[in-house]
Amino acid sequence: MTDDKPGKISRGEPVRQRVLDAAERLLRDGRATYSMRDLATEAGVSFVTPFNQFGGKAAIMHALSARRIDAMIARFKAAPAPRDLVARVGLAVELAVAVMLEQPEVNRAVMSWIGTAGRSPGQVLAHSTELWALATQDEEVPASGDRSRDVAELSIQLALGFRGVLSFWTAGEIADEELALAAQAIAATLVAGFSDPQHGGIRRKQ
């Protein structure tokens, strides 16, 4: 049995993108409980294609999450980044929230799924940390040493904090218009908690 319908598409990354595009359309239409058969029909592929490409629905949702994070990273890289740490982190929050609010119905559905275990552990935390690593990047931070490690730790904590805010937004406890304020507040708290007023650097709290 072939993986794809003859004459439609070929194997590989284009197939994956077609399946992901179809999943987004279903979510946009309010069909968060779509079946894999629904997805295959929407994508115009055989029933086994989504399974062969991703393994299951949880992996598809993780891939959609990765799309969002990639968009956040791309927008941050394209924007003029302030040198001030607080301003850079604030910009990252602003751009990340904008991505989430562009398709709130889709993104809430994705968020509700990425906590679901798939066949292998997800990479959402590591991927998300890439954005906050860019936001905390400082040319004056040495390549090694305590300060460099502490900046890396701050990036992880910012990723965790933003994910926490999104979880409450997904549950409807934070409204769309409140998301930016909540995300900026937790980010500012984390940055302040790592700031050493005496040395103007970053430290891990003891």
N, C-alpha and C. Protein backbone atom coordinates (compact mmCIF):
# COMPACT_ATOMS: atom_id res chain seq x y z
N MET A 1 0.85 -1.20 0.00
CA MET A 1 0.00 0.00 0.00
C MET A 1 0.88 1.24 0.00
N THR A 2 0.65 2.15 -0.93
CA THR A 2 1.46 3.35 -1.00
C THR A 2 1.02 4.35 0.04
N ASP A 3 1.93 5.24 0.37
CA ASP A 3 1.66 6.19 1.44
C ASP A 3 0.77 7.33 0.98
N ASP A 4 0.92 7.74 -0.27
CA ASP A 4 0.20 8.89 -0.76
C ASP A 4 -0.66 8.52 -1.97
N LYS A 5 -1.66 9.33 -2.23
CA LYS A 5 -2.50 9.09 -3.38
C LYS A 5 -1.72 9.36 -4.66
N PRO A 6 -1.80 8.48 -5.68
CA PRO A 6 -1.05 8.68 -6.92
C PRO A 6 -1.36 10.02 -7.56
N GLY A 7 -0.31 10.68 -8.02
CA GLY A 7 -0.49 11.93 -8.74
C GLY A 7 -0.75 13.14 -7.87
N LYS A 8 -0.88 12.93 -6.57
CA LYS A 8 -1.20 14.04 -5.68
C LYS A 8 0.07 14.73 -5.17
N ILE A 9 0.83 14.04 -4.36
CA ILE A 9 2.03 14.62 -3.74
C ILE A 9 3.08 13.55 -3.58
N SER A 10 4.28 13.94 -3.28
CA SER A 10 5.36 13.00 -3.08
C SER A 10 5.71 12.94 -1.61
N ARG A 11 6.51 11.94 -1.23
CA ARG A 11 6.91 11.79 0.16
C ARG A 11 7.88 12.89 0.55
N GLY A 12 8.05 13.07 1.86
CA GLY A 12 9.03 14.02 2.33
C GLY A 12 8.40 15.25 2.94
N GLU A 13 9.21 16.28 3.10
CA GLU A 13 8.77 17.48 3.79
C GLU A 13 7.53 18.14 3.20
N PRO A 14 7.37 18.24 1.86
CA PRO A 14 6.13 18.82 1.32
C PRO A 14 4.88 18.10 1.82
N VAL A 15 4.96 16.79 2.01
CA VAL A 15 3.82 16.03 2.52
C VAL A 15 3.53 16.45 3.95
N ARG A 16 4.56 16.57 4.76
CA ARG A 16 4.39 16.98 6.15
C ARG A 16 3.73 18.35 6.23
N GLN A 17 4.18 19.28 5.40
CA GLN A 17 3.61 20.62 5.42
C GLN A 17 2.15 20.60 4.99
N ARG A 18 1.82 19.75 4.04
CA ARG A 18 0.44 19.66 3.59
C ARG A 18 -0.46 19.14 4.70
N VAL A 19 0.03 18.16 5.44
CA VAL A 19 -0.74 17.62 6.56
C VAL A 19 -0.90 18.67 7.65
N LEU A 20 0.16 19.39 7.95
CA LEU A 20 0.10 20.43 8.98
C LEU A 20 -0.85 21.56 8.57
N ASP A 21 -0.79 21.94 7.29
CA ASP A 21 -1.71 22.98 6.81
C ASP A 21 -3.15 22.53 6.97
N ALA A 22 -3.41 21.27 6.68
CA ALA A 22 -4.76 20.73 6.82
C ALA A 22 -5.20 20.73 8.28
N ALA A 23 -4.28 20.37 9.17
CA ALA A 23 -4.61 20.37 10.60
C ALA A 23 -4.95 21.78 11.07
N GLU A 24 -4.23 22.77 10.60
CA GLU A 24 -4.54 24.15 10.97
C GLU A 24 -5.92 24.55 10.48
N ARG A 25 -6.28 24.15 9.28
CA ARG A 25 -7.60 24.50 8.75
C ARG A 25 -8.70 23.87 9.60
N LEU A 26 -8.51 22.64 10.00
CA LEU A 26 -9.51 21.97 10.83
C LEU A 26 -9.65 22.67 12.17
N LEU A 27 -8.54 23.04 12.77
CA LEU A 27 -8.57 23.73 14.05
C LEU A 27 -9.21 25.11 13.90
N ARG A 28 -8.92 25.77 12.80
CA ARG A 28 -9.50 27.10 12.56
C ARG A 28 -11.02 27.02 12.42
N ASP A 29 -11.49 25.89 11.92
CA ASP A 29 -12.93 25.68 11.76
C ASP A 29 -13.58 25.17 13.05
N GLY A 30 -12.81 25.12 14.14
CA GLY A 30 -13.36 24.68 15.41
C GLY A 30 -13.44 23.18 15.57
N ARG A 31 -12.67 22.44 14.78
CA ARG A 31 -12.72 20.98 14.82
C ARG A 31 -11.49 20.42 15.53
N ALA A 32 -11.33 20.80 16.80
CA ALA A 32 -10.16 20.36 17.55
C ALA A 32 -10.16 18.86 17.81
N THR A 33 -11.33 18.24 17.74
CA THR A 33 -11.43 16.80 17.98
C THR A 33 -11.40 16.01 16.68
N TYR A 34 -10.83 16.60 15.64
CA TYR A 34 -10.78 15.91 14.35
C TYR A 34 -10.09 14.55 14.49
N SER A 35 -10.52 13.62 13.66
CA SER A 35 -9.89 12.30 13.63
C SER A 35 -8.76 12.32 12.60
N MET A 36 -7.91 11.32 12.66
CA MET A 36 -6.83 11.22 11.68
C MET A 36 -7.40 10.98 10.28
N ARG A 37 -8.55 10.32 10.21
CA ARG A 37 -9.21 10.15 8.91
C ARG A 37 -9.70 11.49 8.38
N ASP A 38 -10.26 12.32 9.28
CA ASP A 38 -10.67 13.68 8.88
C ASP A 38 -9.47 14.45 8.34
N LEU A 39 -8.35 14.31 9.04
CA LEU A 39 -7.15 15.03 8.65
C LEU A 39 -6.65 14.58 7.27
N ALA A 40 -6.64 13.28 7.05
CA ALA A 40 -6.19 12.75 5.76
C ALA A 40 -7.08 13.25 4.63
N THR A 41 -8.38 13.27 4.87
CA THR A 41 -9.32 13.75 3.86
C THR A 41 -9.09 15.22 3.57
N GLU A 42 -8.92 16.02 4.61
CA GLU A 42 -8.70 17.45 4.44
C GLU A 42 -7.40 17.73 3.68
N ALA A 43 -6.38 16.91 3.94
CA ALA A 43 -5.07 17.10 3.29
C ALA A 43 -5.04 16.51 1.89
N GLY A 44 -6.02 15.67 1.55
CA GLY A 44 -6.02 15.03 0.24
C GLY A 44 -4.97 13.94 0.11
N VAL A 45 -4.73 13.23 1.23
CA VAL A 45 -3.75 12.15 1.22
C VAL A 45 -4.42 10.87 1.70
N SER A 46 -3.72 9.76 1.59
CA SER A 46 -4.27 8.50 2.06
C SER A 46 -4.35 8.48 3.58
N PHE A 47 -5.15 7.59 4.10
CA PHE A 47 -5.38 7.53 5.54
C PHE A 47 -4.11 7.31 6.33
N VAL A 48 -3.16 6.54 5.77
CA VAL A 48 -1.95 6.21 6.53
C VAL A 48 -0.90 7.32 6.51
N THR A 49 -1.05 8.30 5.63
CA THR A 49 -0.02 9.32 5.50
C THR A 49 0.25 10.09 6.79
N PRO A 50 -0.77 10.63 7.48
CA PRO A 50 -0.47 11.34 8.73
C PRO A 50 0.23 10.45 9.75
N PHE A 51 -0.14 9.17 9.81
CA PHE A 51 0.52 8.25 10.74
C PHE A 51 1.97 8.04 10.34
N ASN A 52 2.20 7.82 9.04
CA ASN A 52 3.56 7.57 8.58
C ASN A 52 4.46 8.79 8.76
N GLN A 53 3.90 9.96 8.59
CA GLN A 53 4.70 11.18 8.66
C GLN A 53 4.94 11.64 10.10
N PHE A 54 3.96 11.41 10.99
CA PHE A 54 4.05 11.95 12.35
C PHE A 54 3.91 10.91 13.46
N GLY A 55 3.19 9.86 13.19
CA GLY A 55 2.99 8.83 14.20
C GLY A 55 1.69 8.96 14.94
N GLY A 56 1.16 10.17 15.10
CA GLY A 56 -0.09 10.35 15.83
C GLY A 56 -0.44 11.81 15.96
N LYS A 57 -1.60 12.09 16.53
CA LYS A 57 -2.11 13.45 16.63
C LYS A 57 -1.27 14.32 17.55
N ALA A 58 -0.76 13.74 18.64
CA ALA A 58 0.06 14.53 19.56
C ALA A 58 1.29 15.09 18.85
N ALA A 59 1.92 14.28 18.02
CA ALA A 59 3.11 14.73 17.29
C ALA A 59 2.76 15.82 16.29
N ILE A 60 1.58 15.75 15.71
CA ILE A 60 1.14 16.79 14.78
C ILE A 60 0.98 18.11 15.52
N MET A 61 0.38 18.05 16.71
CA MET A 61 0.21 19.27 17.49
C MET A 61 1.56 19.84 17.94
N HIS A 62 2.51 18.97 18.26
CA HIS A 62 3.84 19.44 18.61
C HIS A 62 4.49 20.14 17.41
N ALA A 63 4.26 19.60 16.22
CA ALA A 63 4.81 20.22 15.02
C ALA A 63 4.17 21.58 14.76
N LEU A 64 2.87 21.71 15.04
CA LEU A 64 2.21 23.00 14.90
C LEU A 64 2.75 24.00 15.92
N SER A 65 3.04 23.51 17.12
CA SER A 65 3.66 24.37 18.13
C SER A 65 5.01 24.86 17.64
N ALA A 66 5.78 23.97 17.03
CA ALA A 66 7.10 24.35 16.51
C ALA A 66 6.98 25.44 15.46
N ARG A 67 5.91 25.39 14.66
CA ARG A 67 5.68 26.44 13.67
C ARG A 67 5.54 27.80 14.35
N ARG A 68 4.79 27.81 15.45
CA ARG A 68 4.58 29.07 16.16
C ARG A 68 5.88 29.60 16.73
N ILE A 69 6.66 28.71 17.33
CA ILE A 69 7.92 29.15 17.92
C ILE A 69 8.88 29.64 16.84
N ASP A 70 8.90 28.96 15.70
CA ASP A 70 9.74 29.40 14.59
C ASP A 70 9.34 30.80 14.14
N ALA A 71 8.03 31.08 14.12
CA ALA A 71 7.56 32.41 13.72
C ALA A 71 8.01 33.45 14.73
N MET A 72 7.95 33.12 16.02
CA MET A 72 8.40 34.06 17.06
C MET A 72 9.88 34.36 16.89
N ILE A 73 10.68 33.32 16.68
CA ILE A 73 12.12 33.49 16.53
C ILE A 73 12.44 34.33 15.29
N ALA A 74 11.77 34.04 14.19
CA ALA A 74 12.02 34.78 12.95
C ALA A 74 11.69 36.25 13.11
N ARG A 75 10.59 36.55 13.79
CA ARG A 75 10.20 37.96 13.97
C ARG A 75 11.18 38.69 14.89
N PHE A 76 11.66 37.99 15.90
CA PHE A 76 12.62 38.64 16.80
C PHE A 76 13.92 38.93 16.05
N LYS A 77 14.37 37.98 15.24
CA LYS A 77 15.60 38.18 14.49
C LYS A 77 15.47 39.33 13.49
N ALA A 78 14.25 39.52 12.97
CA ALA A 78 14.03 40.56 11.96
C ALA A 78 13.86 41.94 12.58
N ALA A 79 13.55 41.99 13.86
CA ALA A 79 13.29 43.28 14.52
C ALA A 79 14.58 43.88 15.05
N PRO A 80 14.70 45.21 15.05
CA PRO A 80 15.86 45.86 15.68
C PRO A 80 15.84 45.56 17.18
N ALA A 81 16.85 44.90 17.67
CA ALA A 81 16.87 44.48 19.07
C ALA A 81 17.54 45.54 19.94
N PRO A 82 16.85 46.03 20.98
CA PRO A 82 17.48 46.98 21.90
C PRO A 82 18.64 46.33 22.64
N ARG A 83 19.59 47.12 23.09
CA ARG A 83 20.71 46.56 23.84
C ARG A 83 20.34 46.28 25.28
N ASP A 84 19.37 47.01 25.81
CA ASP A 84 18.95 46.82 27.19
C ASP A 84 18.23 45.49 27.36
N LEU A 85 18.63 44.72 28.37
CA LEU A 85 18.07 43.39 28.60
C LEU A 85 16.56 43.44 28.79
N VAL A 86 16.09 44.33 29.64
CA VAL A 86 14.65 44.43 29.91
C VAL A 86 13.88 44.71 28.63
N ALA A 87 14.39 45.62 27.80
CA ALA A 87 13.72 45.98 26.56
C ALA A 87 13.74 44.82 25.56
N ARG A 88 14.85 44.08 25.50
CA ARG A 88 14.93 42.94 24.58
C ARG A 88 13.93 41.86 24.98
N VAL A 89 13.88 41.55 26.27
CA VAL A 89 12.93 40.54 26.73
C VAL A 89 11.50 41.02 26.50
N GLY A 90 11.25 42.30 26.75
CA GLY A 90 9.93 42.85 26.51
C GLY A 90 9.52 42.74 25.06
N LEU A 91 10.47 42.96 24.15
CA LEU A 91 10.20 42.83 22.72
C LEU A 91 9.87 41.38 22.36
N ALA A 92 10.62 40.45 22.92
CA ALA A 92 10.36 39.03 22.66
C ALA A 92 8.96 38.64 23.12
N VAL A 93 8.57 39.13 24.29
CA VAL A 93 7.22 38.85 24.79
C VAL A 93 6.18 39.44 23.85
N GLU A 94 6.38 40.67 23.44
CA GLU A 94 5.43 41.34 22.55
C GLU A 94 5.23 40.56 21.26
N LEU A 95 6.32 40.11 20.66
CA LEU A 95 6.25 39.38 19.40
C LEU A 95 5.63 38.00 19.59
N ALA A 96 5.99 37.33 20.68
CA ALA A 96 5.46 36.00 20.95
C ALA A 96 3.95 36.05 21.18
N VAL A 97 3.50 37.04 21.94
CA VAL A 97 2.07 37.19 22.18
C VAL A 97 1.34 37.50 20.89
N ALA A 98 1.92 38.32 20.04
CA ALA A 98 1.29 38.65 18.77
C ALA A 98 1.06 37.40 17.92
N VAL A 99 2.04 36.51 17.90
CA VAL A 99 1.89 35.26 17.15
C VAL A 99 0.73 34.44 17.71
N MET A 100 0.64 34.34 19.01
CA MET A 100 -0.41 33.53 19.62
C MET A 100 -1.80 34.11 19.39
N LEU A 101 -1.90 35.43 19.32
CA LEU A 101 -3.21 36.06 19.17
C LEU A 101 -3.66 36.19 17.72
N GLU A 102 -2.78 35.84 16.78
CA GLU A 102 -3.18 35.91 15.38
C GLU A 102 -4.24 34.86 15.05
N GLN A 103 -4.10 33.67 15.66
CA GLN A 103 -5.08 32.62 15.47
C GLN A 103 -5.37 31.99 16.84
N PRO A 104 -6.07 32.70 17.69
CA PRO A 104 -6.25 32.21 19.06
C PRO A 104 -6.97 30.87 19.15
N GLU A 105 -7.94 30.64 18.27
CA GLU A 105 -8.67 29.37 18.34
C GLU A 105 -7.77 28.20 17.98
N VAL A 106 -6.89 28.41 17.02
CA VAL A 106 -5.94 27.36 16.63
C VAL A 106 -4.90 27.17 17.73
N ASN A 107 -4.38 28.26 18.24
CA ASN A 107 -3.28 28.17 19.21
C ASN A 107 -3.73 27.64 20.56
N ARG A 108 -4.96 27.92 20.96
CA ARG A 108 -5.46 27.33 22.20
C ARG A 108 -5.57 25.81 22.05
N ALA A 109 -6.02 25.37 20.89
CA ALA A 109 -6.13 23.93 20.66
C ALA A 109 -4.76 23.27 20.66
N VAL A 110 -3.78 23.93 20.04
CA VAL A 110 -2.42 23.40 20.02
C VAL A 110 -1.86 23.33 21.43
N MET A 111 -2.04 24.41 22.20
CA MET A 111 -1.52 24.45 23.56
C MET A 111 -2.13 23.35 24.43
N SER A 112 -3.39 23.05 24.21
CA SER A 112 -4.04 22.03 25.03
C SER A 112 -3.52 20.64 24.72
N TRP A 113 -2.87 20.50 23.56
CA TRP A 113 -2.37 19.19 23.15
C TRP A 113 -0.89 18.97 23.45
N ILE A 114 -0.08 20.03 23.50
CA ILE A 114 1.36 19.79 23.56
C ILE A 114 1.83 19.25 24.91
N GLY A 115 0.92 19.21 25.87
CA GLY A 115 1.25 18.54 27.12
C GLY A 115 0.97 17.05 27.07
N THR A 116 0.45 16.60 25.93
CA THR A 116 0.14 15.18 25.76
C THR A 116 1.37 14.45 25.25
N ALA A 117 1.72 13.38 25.91
CA ALA A 117 2.91 12.62 25.51
C ALA A 117 2.67 11.89 24.20
N GLY A 118 3.67 11.91 23.36
CA GLY A 118 3.64 11.16 22.12
C GLY A 118 4.53 9.94 22.23
N ARG A 119 4.97 9.44 21.09
CA ARG A 119 5.83 8.26 21.09
C ARG A 119 7.21 8.58 21.64
N SER A 120 7.61 9.82 21.52
CA SER A 120 8.91 10.24 22.07
C SER A 120 8.71 11.59 22.75
N PRO A 121 9.59 11.95 23.69
CA PRO A 121 9.44 13.22 24.41
C PRO A 121 9.44 14.41 23.46
N GLY A 122 8.64 15.42 23.79
CA GLY A 122 8.59 16.61 22.96
C GLY A 122 9.85 17.46 23.13
N GLN A 123 9.95 18.46 22.26
CA GLN A 123 11.10 19.38 22.29
C GLN A 123 10.65 20.82 22.46
N VAL A 124 9.44 21.01 23.01
CA VAL A 124 8.89 22.36 23.10
C VAL A 124 9.74 23.26 23.99
N LEU A 125 10.16 22.77 25.14
CA LEU A 125 10.94 23.60 26.05
C LEU A 125 12.26 24.01 25.42
N ALA A 126 12.98 23.06 24.85
CA ALA A 126 14.26 23.38 24.23
C ALA A 126 14.09 24.36 23.07
N HIS A 127 13.05 24.14 22.28
CA HIS A 127 12.80 25.00 21.12
C HIS A 127 12.40 26.40 21.58
N SER A 128 11.51 26.47 22.54
CA SER A 128 11.06 27.76 23.05
C SER A 128 12.20 28.55 23.68
N THR A 129 13.11 27.84 24.34
CA THR A 129 14.24 28.51 24.99
C THR A 129 15.11 29.24 23.97
N GLU A 130 15.10 28.80 22.71
CA GLU A 130 15.88 29.47 21.68
C GLU A 130 15.46 30.94 21.55
N LEU A 131 14.15 31.19 21.63
CA LEU A 131 13.67 32.57 21.54
C LEU A 131 14.21 33.41 22.68
N TRP A 132 14.10 32.88 23.88
CA TRP A 132 14.51 33.66 25.06
C TRP A 132 16.03 33.76 25.16
N ALA A 133 16.74 32.81 24.58
CA ALA A 133 18.20 32.93 24.51
C ALA A 133 18.60 34.10 23.63
N LEU A 134 17.85 34.30 22.55
CA LEU A 134 18.11 35.47 21.70
C LEU A 134 17.81 36.76 22.45
N ALA A 135 16.73 36.74 23.22
CA ALA A 135 16.33 37.94 23.95
C ALA A 135 17.31 38.31 25.05
N THR A 136 17.96 37.30 25.63
CA THR A 136 18.91 37.57 26.72
C THR A 136 20.35 37.64 26.24
N GLN A 137 20.54 37.50 24.95
CA GLN A 137 21.88 37.51 24.38
C GLN A 137 22.54 38.86 24.64
N ASP A 138 23.76 38.81 25.09
CA ASP A 138 24.51 40.03 25.41
C ASP A 138 25.94 39.84 24.93
N GLU A 139 26.38 40.68 24.02
CA GLU A 139 27.72 40.54 23.46
C GLU A 139 28.80 40.66 24.53
N GLU A 140 28.47 41.27 25.66
CA GLU A 140 29.46 41.45 26.71
C GLU A 140 29.55 40.26 27.65
N VAL A 141 28.63 39.30 27.51
CA VAL A 141 28.68 38.12 28.37
C VAL A 141 29.79 37.20 27.87
N PRO A 142 30.71 36.77 28.71
CA PRO A 142 31.80 35.90 28.27
C PRO A 142 31.29 34.55 27.83
N ALA A 143 32.09 33.86 27.03
CA ALA A 143 31.67 32.57 26.49
C ALA A 143 31.58 31.51 27.57
N SER A 144 32.21 31.72 28.68
CA SER A 144 32.16 30.75 29.77
C SER A 144 32.10 31.50 31.08
N GLY A 145 31.86 30.76 32.16
CA GLY A 145 31.82 31.39 33.47
C GLY A 145 30.42 31.44 34.03
N ASP A 146 30.33 31.86 35.29
CA ASP A 146 29.05 31.86 35.99
C ASP A 146 28.02 32.75 35.33
N ARG A 147 28.44 33.92 34.88
CA ARG A 147 27.46 34.84 34.30
C ARG A 147 26.83 34.25 33.05
N SER A 148 27.63 33.64 32.21
CA SER A 148 27.11 33.02 30.99
C SER A 148 26.12 31.92 31.32
N ARG A 149 26.44 31.09 32.33
CA ARG A 149 25.53 30.02 32.73
C ARG A 149 24.24 30.57 33.30
N ASP A 150 24.35 31.68 34.02
CA ASP A 150 23.16 32.27 34.62
C ASP A 150 22.24 32.88 33.57
N VAL A 151 22.81 33.46 32.53
CA VAL A 151 22.00 33.98 31.43
C VAL A 151 21.27 32.83 30.75
N ALA A 152 21.95 31.71 30.57
CA ALA A 152 21.30 30.54 29.97
C ALA A 152 20.16 30.05 30.85
N GLU A 153 20.38 30.07 32.16
CA GLU A 153 19.32 29.67 33.10
C GLU A 153 18.14 30.62 33.01
N LEU A 154 18.39 31.90 32.87
CA LEU A 154 17.32 32.88 32.73
C LEU A 154 16.48 32.58 31.49
N SER A 155 17.12 32.20 30.40
CA SER A 155 16.39 31.87 29.17
C SER A 155 15.41 30.73 29.40
N ILE A 156 15.86 29.71 30.13
CA ILE A 156 14.98 28.57 30.43
C ILE A 156 13.82 29.01 31.30
N GLN A 157 14.09 29.82 32.31
CA GLN A 157 13.04 30.27 33.20
C GLN A 157 12.02 31.15 32.47
N LEU A 158 12.47 31.95 31.52
CA LEU A 158 11.55 32.75 30.72
C LEU A 158 10.67 31.86 29.86
N ALA A 159 11.24 30.80 29.30
CA ALA A 159 10.44 29.85 28.52
C ALA A 159 9.38 29.19 29.38
N LEU A 160 9.77 28.79 30.59
CA LEU A 160 8.82 28.16 31.51
C LEU A 160 7.73 29.14 31.92
N GLY A 161 8.13 30.37 32.21
CA GLY A 161 7.16 31.37 32.64
C GLY A 161 6.16 31.70 31.55
N PHE A 162 6.63 31.85 30.32
CA PHE A 162 5.72 32.16 29.21
C PHE A 162 4.76 31.00 28.97
N ARG A 163 5.28 29.79 29.04
CA ARG A 163 4.41 28.62 28.88
C ARG A 163 3.35 28.57 29.98
N GLY A 164 3.72 28.95 31.19
CA GLY A 164 2.75 28.97 32.28
C GLY A 164 1.63 29.94 32.02
N VAL A 165 1.97 31.14 31.56
CA VAL A 165 0.95 32.14 31.23
C VAL A 165 0.04 31.62 30.12
N LEU A 166 0.64 31.00 29.11
CA LEU A 166 -0.16 30.47 28.00
C LEU A 166 -1.11 29.38 28.46
N SER A 167 -0.71 28.60 29.46
CA SER A 167 -1.59 27.53 29.93
C SER A 167 -2.85 28.11 30.55
N PHE A 168 -2.74 29.20 31.30
CA PHE A 168 -3.92 29.84 31.87
C PHE A 168 -4.75 30.53 30.80
N TRP A 169 -4.09 31.08 29.79
CA TRP A 169 -4.80 31.66 28.65
C TRP A 169 -5.58 30.59 27.90
N THR A 170 -4.95 29.44 27.70
CA THR A 170 -5.61 28.32 27.02
C THR A 170 -6.85 27.88 27.79
N ALA A 171 -6.76 27.89 29.11
CA ALA A 171 -7.88 27.46 29.95
C ALA A 171 -8.97 28.52 30.06
N GLY A 172 -8.74 29.70 29.47
CA GLY A 172 -9.74 30.75 29.51
C GLY A 172 -9.68 31.62 30.76
N GLU A 173 -8.67 31.42 31.59
CA GLU A 173 -8.55 32.21 32.82
C GLU A 173 -7.86 33.55 32.57
N ILE A 174 -7.18 33.66 31.45
CA ILE A 174 -6.60 34.93 31.02
C ILE A 174 -7.21 35.26 29.66
N ALA A 175 -7.84 36.43 29.55
CA ALA A 175 -8.47 36.84 28.30
C ALA A 175 -7.42 37.27 27.28
N ASP A 176 -7.82 37.28 26.01
CA ASP A 176 -6.90 37.68 24.95
C ASP A 176 -6.27 39.04 25.25
N GLU A 177 -7.09 39.99 25.68
CA GLU A 177 -6.59 41.34 25.90
C GLU A 177 -5.71 41.44 27.14
N GLU A 178 -5.70 40.40 27.96
CA GLU A 178 -4.87 40.40 29.17
C GLU A 178 -3.58 39.61 28.99
N LEU A 179 -3.45 38.91 27.87
CA LEU A 179 -2.32 38.01 27.69
C LEU A 179 -0.99 38.75 27.69
N ALA A 180 -0.90 39.83 26.95
CA ALA A 180 0.37 40.57 26.87
C ALA A 180 0.79 41.08 28.23
N LEU A 181 -0.16 41.65 28.97
CA LEU A 181 0.16 42.20 30.29
C LEU A 181 0.66 41.11 31.24
N ALA A 182 -0.02 39.96 31.23
CA ALA A 182 0.38 38.86 32.11
C ALA A 182 1.76 38.33 31.74
N ALA A 183 2.00 38.18 30.44
CA ALA A 183 3.29 37.67 29.98
C ALA A 183 4.42 38.65 30.28
N GLN A 184 4.16 39.94 30.08
CA GLN A 184 5.18 40.94 30.38
C GLN A 184 5.48 40.97 31.87
N ALA A 185 4.46 40.79 32.70
CA ALA A 185 4.65 40.84 34.15
C ALA A 185 5.54 39.71 34.63
N ILE A 186 5.30 38.49 34.16
CA ILE A 186 6.12 37.36 34.63
C ILE A 186 7.54 37.49 34.09
N ALA A 187 7.69 37.98 32.86
CA ALA A 187 9.03 38.15 32.30
C ALA A 187 9.81 39.20 33.09
N ALA A 188 9.15 40.30 33.42
CA ALA A 188 9.82 41.36 34.18
C ALA A 188 10.22 40.88 35.56
N THR A 189 9.37 40.06 36.17
CA THR A 189 9.68 39.52 37.49
C THR A 189 10.90 38.61 37.43
N LEU A 190 10.97 37.77 36.41
CA LEU A 190 12.10 36.86 36.27
C LEU A 190 13.39 37.62 36.01
N VAL A 191 13.34 38.61 35.14
CA VAL A 191 14.54 39.39 34.86
C VAL A 191 15.01 40.13 36.11
N ALA A 192 14.06 40.70 36.84
CA ALA A 192 14.42 41.41 38.08
C ALA A 192 15.02 40.46 39.10
N GLY A 193 14.50 39.23 39.16
CA GLY A 193 15.00 38.26 40.12
C GLY A 193 16.41 37.79 39.81
N PHE A 194 16.82 37.90 38.55
CA PHE A 194 18.16 37.48 38.16
C PHE A 194 19.14 38.66 38.07
N SER A 195 18.65 39.85 38.21
CA SER A 195 19.52 41.03 38.07
C SER A 195 20.26 41.31 39.36
N ASP A 196 21.52 41.60 39.22
CA ASP A 196 22.35 41.96 40.36
C ASP A 196 22.60 43.47 40.29
N PRO A 197 21.89 44.25 41.08
CA PRO A 197 22.04 45.71 40.98
C PRO A 197 23.46 46.19 41.19
N GLN A 198 24.25 45.47 41.99
CA GLN A 198 25.61 45.90 42.31
C GLN A 198 26.55 45.77 41.13
N HIS A 199 26.34 44.69 40.37
CA HIS A 199 27.28 44.45 39.27
C HIS A 199 26.62 44.63 37.90
N GLY A 200 25.32 44.83 37.87
CA GLY A 200 24.65 45.04 36.60
C GLY A 200 24.63 43.80 35.74
N GLY A 201 24.81 42.65 36.33
CA GLY A 201 24.87 41.42 35.57
C GLY A 201 23.68 40.52 35.82
N ILE A 202 23.89 39.26 35.57
CA ILE A 202 22.86 38.26 35.76
C ILE A 202 23.40 37.23 36.72
N ARG A 203 22.61 36.84 37.69
CA ARG A 203 23.06 35.82 38.63
C ARG A 203 21.96 34.82 38.87
N ARG A 204 22.31 33.62 39.20
CA ARG A 204 21.34 32.62 39.60
C ARG A 204 21.05 32.82 41.07
N LYS A 205 19.76 32.89 41.42
CA LYS A 205 19.39 33.11 42.81
C LYS A 205 19.77 31.89 43.64
N GLN A 206 20.32 32.12 44.80
CA GLN A 206 20.77 31.04 45.67
C GLN A 206 19.58 30.46 46.44
